[in-house]
Amino acid sequence: MPRNRNTFSSLTAWRRRVLARAVQGGWRWVQEAGAVTADSPGRLRFKRLGAGTRLAFPQGTVFGERWIEIGECCIIAEQVTLTAGMLPGLDLGPDTVLTLGNGVVLGRGSHVIADTSVTIGSDTYCGPYVYITSTNHSYDDPDEPVGRQWPRSEPVEIGPGCWLGTGAVILPGAKLGRNVVVAAGAVVRGEVPDHSVVAGAPAKVVRSWDPERGWQPPLRTPAPTPVPDGVMHEQLAALAAWDLAEG
């Protein structure tokens, strides 16, 4: 009897391993087939979708693609929402509403909501669940539910080379300069100068670069090894070429 039980247990474990491999392999196939690139955009028709850019599957909510431009070698992770306009099917006119430069990275679960102009500069990296919006609720009328009051919209501009940590929120009217670091969970509004680090809710500058004195207050960690020029774009382009060869 124990021998039969062991045989049955071994057979059950074997079946589970086979099933797990089949499910994992099938999911990888679905992820590859469902990814959006310039060569395989699927149902999405962006105003521009640069070479080497990839939107991972499953995508989040995406609409208003005709008013969205995405540069080359961008990485858009799973469940990222990209929208232009308040609702699908609106005519937003001739101008681009949402622009992502080359080499932009949007982490898993991030949202970029562009009811008016939103620009994200090249080589800006966003961690998971970053929220960037050009629109905020109004609450002027104390007798009307907030959700029924007409929202306010202001353009958002994020300069090149920025880093937005996990859960950062960029509010309407925000204007971030070049190479700005936004700490995880920070809530940013207003202007942020070049080469600054902001943290908190509302976010405040906690470190900035002085051409003569360097970072103030001084950094407490050793400087990292610099990344060779162009290596990230080259790697992403090579990855895109590999995907095409495998397909």
Protein backbone atom coordinates (compact mmCIF):
# COMPACT_ATOMS: atom_id res chain seq x y z
CA MET A 1 0.00 0.00 0.00
CA PRO A 2 2.71 2.58 0.81
CA ARG A 3 4.41 1.70 -2.48
CA ASN A 4 1.20 2.43 -4.42
CA ARG A 5 0.73 5.66 -2.55
CA ASN A 6 4.28 6.76 -3.43
CA THR A 7 3.70 5.82 -7.07
CA PHE A 8 0.47 7.81 -7.14
CA SER A 9 2.19 10.81 -5.49
CA SER A 10 5.05 10.68 -8.01
CA LEU A 11 2.60 10.54 -10.93
CA THR A 12 0.62 13.50 -9.53
CA ALA A 13 3.79 15.55 -9.08
CA TRP A 14 4.89 14.71 -12.63
CA ARG A 15 1.53 15.83 -14.02
CA ARG A 16 1.72 19.08 -12.10
CA ARG A 17 5.21 19.78 -13.45
CA VAL A 18 4.08 19.09 -17.00
CA LEU A 19 0.99 21.27 -16.57
CA ALA A 20 3.05 24.08 -15.02
CA ARG A 21 5.52 24.02 -17.90
CA ALA A 22 2.69 24.06 -20.43
CA VAL A 23 0.96 26.98 -18.71
CA GLN A 24 4.20 28.96 -18.35
CA GLY A 25 5.18 28.30 -21.95
CA GLY A 26 1.70 29.28 -23.14
CA TRP A 27 1.79 32.48 -21.13
CA ARG A 28 5.20 33.41 -22.56
CA TRP A 29 3.78 32.84 -26.04
CA VAL A 30 0.78 35.05 -25.24
CA GLN A 31 3.08 37.78 -23.89
CA GLU A 32 5.16 37.72 -27.05
CA ALA A 33 2.15 37.61 -29.36
CA GLY A 34 0.35 40.37 -27.45
CA ALA A 35 3.28 42.81 -27.22
CA VAL A 36 2.89 45.98 -29.29
CA THR A 37 5.74 47.20 -31.49
CA ALA A 38 6.08 49.37 -34.59
CA ASP A 39 6.04 46.23 -36.73
CA SER A 40 3.15 44.58 -34.88
CA PRO A 41 0.90 47.34 -33.49
CA GLY A 42 -2.19 45.15 -33.33
CA ARG A 43 -5.32 47.24 -32.88
CA LEU A 44 -3.39 50.27 -31.61
CA ARG A 45 -2.66 53.00 -34.15
CA PHE A 46 -0.44 55.58 -32.50
CA LYS A 47 0.43 58.83 -34.22
CA ARG A 48 4.01 57.64 -33.89
CA LEU A 49 5.52 54.45 -32.50
CA GLY A 50 9.29 54.44 -32.78
CA ALA A 51 11.54 51.57 -33.79
CA GLY A 52 12.71 49.39 -30.92
CA THR A 53 9.79 50.42 -28.69
CA ARG A 54 7.76 47.71 -27.01
CA LEU A 55 4.50 47.80 -25.06
CA ALA A 56 4.37 44.66 -22.94
CA PHE A 57 1.28 42.47 -22.76
CA PRO A 58 -1.16 42.80 -21.14
CA GLN A 59 -1.50 46.53 -21.77
CA GLY A 60 -3.51 48.78 -19.52
CA THR A 61 -6.19 51.17 -20.78
CA VAL A 62 -5.07 52.80 -24.03
CA PHE A 63 -7.14 55.26 -26.06
CA GLY A 64 -6.65 58.41 -28.12
CA GLU A 65 -3.68 56.80 -29.88
CA ARG A 66 -4.01 59.23 -32.80
CA TRP A 67 -2.78 61.95 -30.45
CA ILE A 68 0.01 59.92 -28.80
CA GLU A 69 3.61 59.92 -30.04
CA ILE A 70 6.09 57.41 -28.60
CA GLY A 71 9.77 57.66 -29.51
CA GLU A 72 12.34 54.99 -30.25
CA CYS A 73 13.61 52.33 -27.86
CA CYS A 74 10.98 52.91 -25.18
CA ILE A 75 9.97 50.23 -22.67
CA ILE A 76 6.31 50.28 -21.64
CA ALA A 77 5.76 47.60 -19.01
CA GLU A 78 2.64 45.54 -18.32
CA GLN A 79 -0.65 47.18 -17.30
CA VAL A 80 0.49 50.71 -18.22
CA THR A 81 -2.33 53.13 -19.03
CA LEU A 82 -1.78 55.71 -21.79
CA THR A 83 -4.69 58.00 -22.64
CA ALA A 84 -5.21 61.19 -24.65
CA GLY A 85 -8.48 62.99 -24.01
CA MET A 86 -11.09 62.51 -21.32
CA LEU A 87 -12.95 59.76 -23.17
CA PRO A 88 -12.36 57.47 -26.15
CA GLY A 89 -13.64 58.66 -29.51
CA LEU A 90 -13.13 62.41 -29.00
CA ASP A 91 -11.67 64.63 -31.72
CA LEU A 92 -8.70 66.35 -30.07
CA GLY A 93 -7.66 68.40 -33.08
CA PRO A 94 -4.46 68.35 -35.13
CA ASP A 95 -1.85 68.55 -32.37
CA THR A 96 -0.19 65.77 -30.42
CA VAL A 97 -1.43 65.58 -26.83
CA LEU A 98 0.90 63.00 -25.26
CA THR A 99 4.58 62.77 -26.24
CA LEU A 100 7.15 60.27 -25.00
CA GLY A 101 10.73 60.90 -26.12
CA ASN A 102 13.29 58.27 -27.08
CA GLY A 103 14.32 55.74 -24.46
CA VAL A 104 11.48 56.44 -22.01
CA VAL A 105 10.73 53.65 -19.52
CA LEU A 106 7.33 53.36 -17.83
CA GLY A 107 7.23 50.81 -15.03
CA ARG A 108 4.50 48.27 -14.44
CA GLY A 109 1.09 49.68 -13.58
CA SER A 110 1.99 53.30 -14.33
CA HIS A 111 -0.62 55.76 -15.64
CA VAL A 112 -0.12 58.70 -17.99
CA ILE A 113 -3.39 60.63 -18.35
CA ALA A 114 -3.22 63.46 -20.89
CA ASP A 115 -6.35 65.57 -21.24
CA THR A 116 -4.08 68.39 -22.36
CA SER A 117 -0.41 68.44 -23.35
CA VAL A 118 1.87 66.01 -21.49
CA THR A 119 5.51 65.69 -22.56
CA ILE A 120 8.00 63.20 -21.13
CA GLY A 121 11.59 63.87 -22.20
CA SER A 122 13.98 61.31 -23.63
CA ASP A 123 15.69 58.82 -21.32
CA THR A 124 13.30 59.45 -18.45
CA TYR A 125 12.76 56.35 -16.34
CA CYS A 126 9.68 55.71 -14.21
CA GLY A 127 9.42 53.03 -11.58
CA PRO A 128 6.26 50.96 -11.05
CA TYR A 129 2.89 52.63 -10.40
CA VAL A 130 3.93 56.17 -11.28
CA TYR A 131 0.94 58.45 -11.95
CA ILE A 132 1.28 61.40 -14.33
CA THR A 133 -1.82 63.48 -15.06
CA SER A 134 -2.70 66.79 -16.65
CA THR A 135 -6.13 66.84 -14.99
CA ASN A 136 -7.33 67.08 -11.41
CA HIS A 137 -10.76 67.14 -9.79
CA SER A 138 -12.32 70.43 -8.74
CA TYR A 139 -14.09 70.82 -5.41
CA ASP A 140 -15.10 74.50 -5.49
CA ASP A 141 -18.78 73.83 -4.92
CA PRO A 142 -19.28 72.33 -1.43
CA ASP A 143 -22.80 71.14 -2.32
CA GLU A 144 -21.89 69.23 -5.49
CA PRO A 145 -20.17 65.83 -5.44
CA VAL A 146 -16.50 66.26 -6.36
CA GLY A 147 -16.75 63.72 -9.16
CA ARG A 148 -19.50 65.78 -10.88
CA GLN A 149 -17.58 69.05 -10.90
CA TRP A 150 -15.73 69.97 -14.07
CA PRO A 151 -12.01 69.14 -13.66
CA ARG A 152 -9.09 71.51 -14.19
CA SER A 153 -6.38 70.74 -16.73
CA GLU A 154 -2.87 72.15 -17.10
CA PRO A 155 0.05 70.99 -19.28
CA VAL A 156 2.73 68.77 -17.77
CA GLU A 157 6.35 68.79 -18.87
CA ILE A 158 8.98 66.33 -17.66
CA GLY A 159 12.48 67.08 -18.88
CA PRO A 160 14.95 64.54 -20.29
CA GLY A 161 16.96 62.20 -18.13
CA CYS A 162 14.66 62.22 -15.10
CA TRP A 163 14.05 59.36 -12.67
CA LEU A 164 10.61 58.99 -11.05
CA GLY A 165 10.54 56.54 -8.17
CA THR A 166 7.85 54.00 -7.39
CA GLY A 167 4.44 55.53 -6.71
CA ALA A 168 5.43 59.09 -7.58
CA VAL A 169 2.55 61.39 -8.58
CA ILE A 170 3.02 64.25 -11.05
CA LEU A 171 0.12 66.71 -10.89
CA PRO A 172 -1.28 69.14 -13.49
CA GLY A 173 0.96 72.12 -14.21
CA ALA A 174 4.13 70.38 -13.06
CA LYS A 175 7.29 71.26 -14.96
CA LEU A 176 10.35 69.17 -14.18
CA GLY A 177 13.74 70.20 -15.49
CA ARG A 178 16.55 68.04 -16.77
CA ASN A 179 17.86 65.06 -14.75
CA VAL A 180 15.43 65.51 -11.88
CA VAL A 181 15.07 62.71 -9.32
CA VAL A 182 11.62 62.26 -7.78
CA ALA A 183 11.63 60.12 -4.64
CA ALA A 184 9.25 57.20 -4.28
CA GLY A 185 5.78 58.33 -3.22
CA ALA A 186 6.46 62.02 -3.82
CA VAL A 187 3.62 64.27 -5.03
CA VAL A 188 4.96 66.92 -7.40
CA ARG A 189 3.36 70.16 -8.52
CA GLY A 190 4.85 73.41 -9.82
CA GLU A 191 8.33 73.85 -11.25
CA VAL A 192 11.37 71.77 -10.31
CA PRO A 193 14.80 73.06 -11.45
CA ASP A 194 17.36 71.02 -13.37
CA HIS A 195 19.49 68.53 -11.43
CA SER A 196 17.34 68.47 -8.32
CA VAL A 197 16.11 65.76 -5.99
CA VAL A 198 12.58 66.20 -4.64
CA ALA A 199 10.76 64.21 -1.98
CA GLY A 200 7.62 64.37 0.13
CA ALA A 201 3.96 65.26 -0.30
CA PRO A 202 3.91 67.97 -1.42
CA ALA A 203 7.38 67.45 -2.86
CA LYS A 204 10.21 69.79 -1.90
CA VAL A 205 13.78 70.06 -3.15
CA VAL A 206 16.01 68.09 -0.77
CA ARG A 207 19.22 68.09 -2.83
CA SER A 208 20.48 70.11 -5.80
CA TRP A 209 23.56 70.45 -7.98
CA ASP A 210 25.86 73.46 -7.61
CA PRO A 211 28.37 73.90 -10.47
CA GLU A 212 31.10 74.95 -8.02
CA ARG A 213 30.36 72.84 -4.92
CA GLY A 214 28.72 69.78 -6.50
CA TRP A 215 25.71 68.16 -4.88
CA GLN A 216 24.35 69.99 -1.85
CA PRO A 217 23.97 68.47 0.64
CA PRO A 218 26.82 66.17 -0.43
CA LEU A 219 26.07 62.63 -1.56
CA ARG A 220 26.63 59.93 1.06
CA THR A 221 27.27 57.15 -1.47
CA PRO A 222 30.19 56.62 -3.87
CA ALA A 223 29.66 57.72 -7.45
CA PRO A 224 28.50 54.86 -9.73
CA THR A 225 30.45 53.71 -12.75
CA PRO A 226 29.23 55.75 -15.73
CA VAL A 227 27.24 53.95 -18.42
CA PRO A 228 28.95 54.14 -21.84
CA ASP A 229 27.32 56.54 -24.28
CA GLY A 230 24.47 55.01 -26.25
CA VAL A 231 24.65 51.59 -24.65
CA MET A 232 21.02 51.55 -23.53
CA HIS A 233 19.63 52.49 -26.94
CA GLU A 234 21.92 49.96 -28.60
CA GLN A 235 20.79 47.22 -26.24
CA LEU A 236 17.12 48.00 -26.79
CA ALA A 237 17.59 48.10 -30.56
CA ALA A 238 19.37 44.74 -30.39
CA LEU A 239 16.52 43.32 -28.31
CA ALA A 240 13.98 44.51 -30.88
CA ALA A 241 16.04 42.93 -33.68
CA TRP A 242 16.21 39.68 -31.71
CA ASP A 243 12.41 39.71 -31.30
CA LEU A 244 11.96 40.11 -35.03
CA ALA A 245 14.42 37.29 -35.76
CA GLU A 246 12.67 34.98 -33.29
CA GLY A 247 9.27 35.87 -34.72
